[in-house]
Amino acid sequence: MGKIVAIGETFAATHHFSPDSIREFSALAHDFNPLHHDADYAAADLRFGGLISSGTQQMSYLAALLATHYSKTAQPLGLEFDMKLRRAVHAGDDITVRWTVTDSLWKDKLAGDIVSLDGEAVNQRGETVIAATAKILVSAKPA
């Protein structure tokens, strides 16, 4: 078997962050910071001025996109993630998460590609909210 993943491959998905989705995700993640749950409290905050999502919400969408994309045709396994949160995501924002393959190296011993990727999450204004890198193993699906 040979390479599974091509360098330069790019894939993306867009998510809408409604007040309800922010509250629900934060509750499921056990993140009870009132900036994610209490609109009045968040509106009074001088830094953010309104309800914002938990950073784990955007980060999970980035990580999930890798699994969702590659599991359609192969077997992915996350190895390393580095995510830098640059801006808050406010209620009402639309965030596009995107990955680009920067390197792919076949490893016989692992029967798969070690894949390096650059990722980002960008809001509807074109502002980067997360800059990320990842390394994953992508193997053929079991027969």
C-alpha atoms as a PDB file:
ATOM      1  CA  MET A   1       0.000   0.000   0.000  1.00  0.00           C
ATOM      2  CA  GLY A   2       1.127   3.584  -0.505  1.00  0.00           C
ATOM      3  CA  LYS A   3       0.171   7.120   0.337  1.00  0.00           C
ATOM      4  CA  ILE A   4      -3.448   7.759   1.315  1.00  0.00           C
ATOM      5  CA  VAL A   5      -3.410  11.547   1.827  1.00  0.00           C
ATOM      6  CA  ALA A   6      -2.249  14.150  -0.710  1.00  0.00           C
ATOM      7  CA  ILE A   7      -0.269  17.255   0.269  1.00  0.00           C
ATOM      8  CA  GLY A   8      -2.306  20.391  -0.437  1.00  0.00           C
ATOM      9  CA  GLU A   9      -5.688  18.800   0.246  1.00  0.00           C
ATOM     10  CA  THR A  10      -8.040  21.298   1.915  1.00  0.00           C
ATOM     11  CA  PHE A  11     -11.440  20.760   3.518  1.00  0.00           C
ATOM     12  CA  ALA A  12     -13.778  22.927   5.577  1.00  0.00           C
ATOM     13  CA  ALA A  13     -17.124  23.183   7.352  1.00  0.00           C
ATOM     14  CA  THR A  14     -19.127  26.138   8.661  1.00  0.00           C
ATOM     15  CA  HIS A  15     -20.956  26.285  12.003  1.00  0.00           C
ATOM     16  CA  HIS A  16     -23.447  28.843  13.315  1.00  0.00           C
ATOM     17  CA  PHE A  17     -23.051  29.755  16.999  1.00  0.00           C
ATOM     18  CA  SER A  18     -26.528  30.525  18.311  1.00  0.00           C
ATOM     19  CA  PRO A  19     -27.051  31.512  21.956  1.00  0.00           C
ATOM     20  CA  ASP A  20     -28.712  28.134  22.559  1.00  0.00           C
ATOM     21  CA  SER A  21     -25.899  26.128  20.933  1.00  0.00           C
ATOM     22  CA  ILE A  22     -23.339  28.038  23.022  1.00  0.00           C
ATOM     23  CA  ARG A  23     -25.228  27.311  26.254  1.00  0.00           C
ATOM     24  CA  GLU A  24     -25.855  23.661  25.364  1.00  0.00           C
ATOM     25  CA  PHE A  25     -22.258  22.929  24.381  1.00  0.00           C
ATOM     26  CA  SER A  26     -20.863  24.682  27.452  1.00  0.00           C
ATOM     27  CA  ALA A  27     -23.188  22.716  29.724  1.00  0.00           C
ATOM     28  CA  LEU A  28     -22.183  19.416  28.084  1.00  0.00           C
ATOM     29  CA  ALA A  29     -18.509  20.365  28.509  1.00  0.00           C
ATOM     30  CA  HIS A  30     -19.140  21.293  32.171  1.00  0.00           C
ATOM     31  CA  ASP A  31     -17.957  24.847  31.471  1.00  0.00           C
ATOM     32  CA  PHE A  32     -20.232  26.985  33.617  1.00  0.00           C
ATOM     33  CA  ASN A  33     -18.510  30.332  33.082  1.00  0.00           C
ATOM     34  CA  PRO A  34     -21.429  32.833  33.004  1.00  0.00           C
ATOM     35  CA  LEU A  35     -19.983  34.375  29.813  1.00  0.00           C
ATOM     36  CA  HIS A  36     -21.308  31.238  28.074  1.00  0.00           C
ATOM     37  CA  HIS A  37     -24.690  31.004  29.839  1.00  0.00           C
ATOM     38  CA  ASP A  38     -25.964  34.338  31.180  1.00  0.00           C
ATOM     39  CA  ALA A  39     -26.717  36.924  28.468  1.00  0.00           C
ATOM     40  CA  ASP A  40     -27.185  39.773  30.976  1.00  0.00           C
ATOM     41  CA  TYR A  41     -23.917  39.008  32.749  1.00  0.00           C
ATOM     42  CA  ALA A  42     -22.091  38.695  29.424  1.00  0.00           C
ATOM     43  CA  ALA A  43     -23.590  41.947  28.088  1.00  0.00           C
ATOM     44  CA  ALA A  44     -22.169  43.815  31.099  1.00  0.00           C
ATOM     45  CA  ASP A  45     -18.674  42.407  30.497  1.00  0.00           C
ATOM     46  CA  LEU A  46     -16.393  45.183  29.215  1.00  0.00           C
ATOM     47  CA  ARG A  47     -14.084  42.852  27.274  1.00  0.00           C
ATOM     48  CA  PHE A  48     -16.638  40.816  25.310  1.00  0.00           C
ATOM     49  CA  GLY A  49     -19.926  42.739  25.582  1.00  0.00           C
ATOM     50  CA  GLY A  50     -22.102  39.698  25.037  1.00  0.00           C
ATOM     51  CA  LEU A  51     -22.481  35.948  25.147  1.00  0.00           C
ATOM     52  CA  ILE A  52     -19.383  34.110  23.855  1.00  0.00           C
ATOM     53  CA  SER A  53     -18.760  30.456  23.188  1.00  0.00           C
ATOM     54  CA  SER A  54     -16.397  28.303  25.189  1.00  0.00           C
ATOM     55  CA  GLY A  55     -13.031  27.911  23.454  1.00  0.00           C
ATOM     56  CA  THR A  56     -13.535  24.168  23.670  1.00  0.00           C
ATOM     57  CA  GLN A  57     -16.500  24.491  21.304  1.00  0.00           C
ATOM     58  CA  GLN A  58     -14.472  25.901  18.409  1.00  0.00           C
ATOM     59  CA  MET A  59     -11.556  23.566  19.159  1.00  0.00           C
ATOM     60  CA  SER A  60     -13.844  20.540  19.127  1.00  0.00           C
ATOM     61  CA  TYR A  61     -15.268  21.530  15.734  1.00  0.00           C
ATOM     62  CA  LEU A  62     -11.729  21.710  14.336  1.00  0.00           C
ATOM     63  CA  ALA A  63     -10.779  18.301  15.748  1.00  0.00           C
ATOM     64  CA  ALA A  64     -14.091  16.734  14.718  1.00  0.00           C
ATOM     65  CA  LEU A  65     -13.675  17.901  11.121  1.00  0.00           C
ATOM     66  CA  LEU A  66     -10.501  15.802  10.819  1.00  0.00           C
ATOM     67  CA  ALA A  67     -12.263  12.684  12.077  1.00  0.00           C
ATOM     68  CA  THR A  68     -15.387  13.287   9.998  1.00  0.00           C
ATOM     69  CA  HIS A  69     -13.497  14.043   6.783  1.00  0.00           C
ATOM     70  CA  TYR A  70     -11.057  11.152   6.850  1.00  0.00           C
ATOM     71  CA  SER A  71     -13.382   8.512   8.317  1.00  0.00           C
ATOM     72  CA  LYS A  72     -15.437   8.608   5.092  1.00  0.00           C
ATOM     73  CA  THR A  73     -12.661   6.773   3.227  1.00  0.00           C
ATOM     74  CA  ALA A  74      -9.987   5.828   5.775  1.00  0.00           C
ATOM     75  CA  GLN A  75      -9.294   5.333   9.485  1.00  0.00           C
ATOM     76  CA  PRO A  76      -7.964   8.520  11.168  1.00  0.00           C
ATOM     77  CA  LEU A  77      -6.292   8.726  14.562  1.00  0.00           C
ATOM     78  CA  GLY A  78      -5.388  12.049  16.196  1.00  0.00           C
ATOM     79  CA  LEU A  79      -1.795  12.292  17.441  1.00  0.00           C
ATOM     80  CA  GLU A  80      -1.056  15.972  18.187  1.00  0.00           C
ATOM     81  CA  PHE A  81      -3.054  19.203  18.264  1.00  0.00           C
ATOM     82  CA  ASP A  82      -1.823  22.747  18.917  1.00  0.00           C
ATOM     83  CA  MET A  83      -4.525  25.416  18.948  1.00  0.00           C
ATOM     84  CA  LYS A  84      -4.092  29.111  19.643  1.00  0.00           C
ATOM     85  CA  LEU A  85      -7.241  31.056  20.488  1.00  0.00           C
ATOM     86  CA  ARG A  86      -7.009  34.504  18.864  1.00  0.00           C
ATOM     87  CA  ARG A  87     -10.499  36.029  19.265  1.00  0.00           C
ATOM     88  CA  ALA A  88     -13.761  35.341  21.023  1.00  0.00           C
ATOM     89  CA  VAL A  89     -16.659  33.776  19.137  1.00  0.00           C
ATOM     90  CA  HIS A  90     -19.875  35.671  19.872  1.00  0.00           C
ATOM     91  CA  ALA A  91     -23.451  34.470  19.727  1.00  0.00           C
ATOM     92  CA  GLY A  92     -24.615  34.901  16.136  1.00  0.00           C
ATOM     93  CA  ASP A  93     -21.184  34.292  14.579  1.00  0.00           C
ATOM     94  CA  ASP A  94     -20.671  31.892  11.689  1.00  0.00           C
ATOM     95  CA  ILE A  95     -17.319  30.134  11.962  1.00  0.00           C
ATOM     96  CA  THR A  96     -15.635  28.258   9.126  1.00  0.00           C
ATOM     97  CA  VAL A  97     -13.134  25.645  10.275  1.00  0.00           C
ATOM     98  CA  ARG A  98     -10.573  24.591   7.674  1.00  0.00           C
ATOM     99  CA  TRP A  99      -7.611  22.234   7.422  1.00  0.00           C
ATOM    100  CA  THR A 100      -4.857  22.060   4.782  1.00  0.00           C
ATOM    101  CA  VAL A 101      -2.467  19.115   4.498  1.00  0.00           C
ATOM    102  CA  THR A 102       1.135  20.377   4.656  1.00  0.00           C
ATOM    103  CA  ASP A 103       2.931  17.015   4.756  1.00  0.00           C
ATOM    104  CA  SER A 104       2.079  13.347   4.344  1.00  0.00           C
ATOM    105  CA  LEU A 105       4.609  10.586   4.920  1.00  0.00           C
ATOM    106  CA  TRP A 106       3.811   6.880   4.506  1.00  0.00           C
ATOM    107  CA  LYS A 107       5.042   4.710   7.397  1.00  0.00           C
ATOM    108  CA  ASP A 108       5.158   0.966   6.678  1.00  0.00           C
ATOM    109  CA  LYS A 109       5.392   0.140  10.386  1.00  0.00           C
ATOM    110  CA  LEU A 110       2.118   2.005  11.056  1.00  0.00           C
ATOM    111  CA  ALA A 111       0.475   1.012   7.756  1.00  0.00           C
ATOM    112  CA  GLY A 112      -0.587   4.591   7.175  1.00  0.00           C
ATOM    113  CA  ASP A 113       0.318   8.177   6.495  1.00  0.00           C
ATOM    114  CA  ILE A 114       1.577  10.510   9.204  1.00  0.00           C
ATOM    115  CA  VAL A 115      -0.209  13.682   8.117  1.00  0.00           C
ATOM    116  CA  SER A 116       0.664  17.237   9.189  1.00  0.00           C
ATOM    117  CA  LEU A 117      -1.963  19.939   8.772  1.00  0.00           C
ATOM    118  CA  ASP A 118      -2.439  23.661   9.267  1.00  0.00           C
ATOM    119  CA  GLY A 119      -5.868  24.656  10.488  1.00  0.00           C
ATOM    120  CA  GLU A 120      -7.882  27.729  11.222  1.00  0.00           C
ATOM    121  CA  ALA A 121     -11.264  28.891  12.372  1.00  0.00           C
ATOM    122  CA  VAL A 122     -12.410  32.137  10.745  1.00  0.00           C
ATOM    123  CA  ASN A 123     -15.504  34.219  11.483  1.00  0.00           C
ATOM    124  CA  GLN A 124     -17.862  35.792   8.952  1.00  0.00           C
ATOM    125  CA  ARG A 125     -15.763  38.992   9.027  1.00  0.00           C
ATOM    126  CA  GLY A 126     -12.649  37.095   7.888  1.00  0.00           C
ATOM    127  CA  GLU A 127     -11.014  37.301  11.333  1.00  0.00           C
ATOM    128  CA  THR A 128      -9.027  34.286  12.518  1.00  0.00           C
ATOM    129  CA  VAL A 129     -10.415  33.069  15.839  1.00  0.00           C
ATOM    130  CA  ILE A 130      -8.156  29.988  16.098  1.00  0.00           C
ATOM    131  CA  ALA A 131      -4.855  29.097  14.438  1.00  0.00           C
ATOM    132  CA  ALA A 132      -4.012  25.403  14.666  1.00  0.00           C
ATOM    133  CA  THR A 133      -1.662  22.634  13.644  1.00  0.00           C
ATOM    134  CA  ALA A 134      -2.277  18.915  13.875  1.00  0.00           C
ATOM    135  CA  LYS A 135      -0.603  15.605  13.236  1.00  0.00           C
ATOM    136  CA  ILE A 136      -2.726  12.536  12.576  1.00  0.00           C
ATOM    137  CA  LEU A 137      -2.295   8.964  11.402  1.00  0.00           C
ATOM    138  CA  VAL A 138      -4.485   8.010   8.439  1.00  0.00           C
ATOM    139  CA  SER A 139      -4.700   4.288   7.667  1.00  0.00           C
ATOM    140  CA  ALA A 140      -6.803   2.238   5.290  1.00  0.00           C
ATOM    141  CA  LYS A 141     -10.199   1.191   6.630  1.00  0.00           C
ATOM    142  CA  PRO A 142     -10.290  -2.364   7.943  1.00  0.00           C
ATOM    143  CA  ALA A 143     -11.732  -4.837   5.436  1.00  0.00           C
END
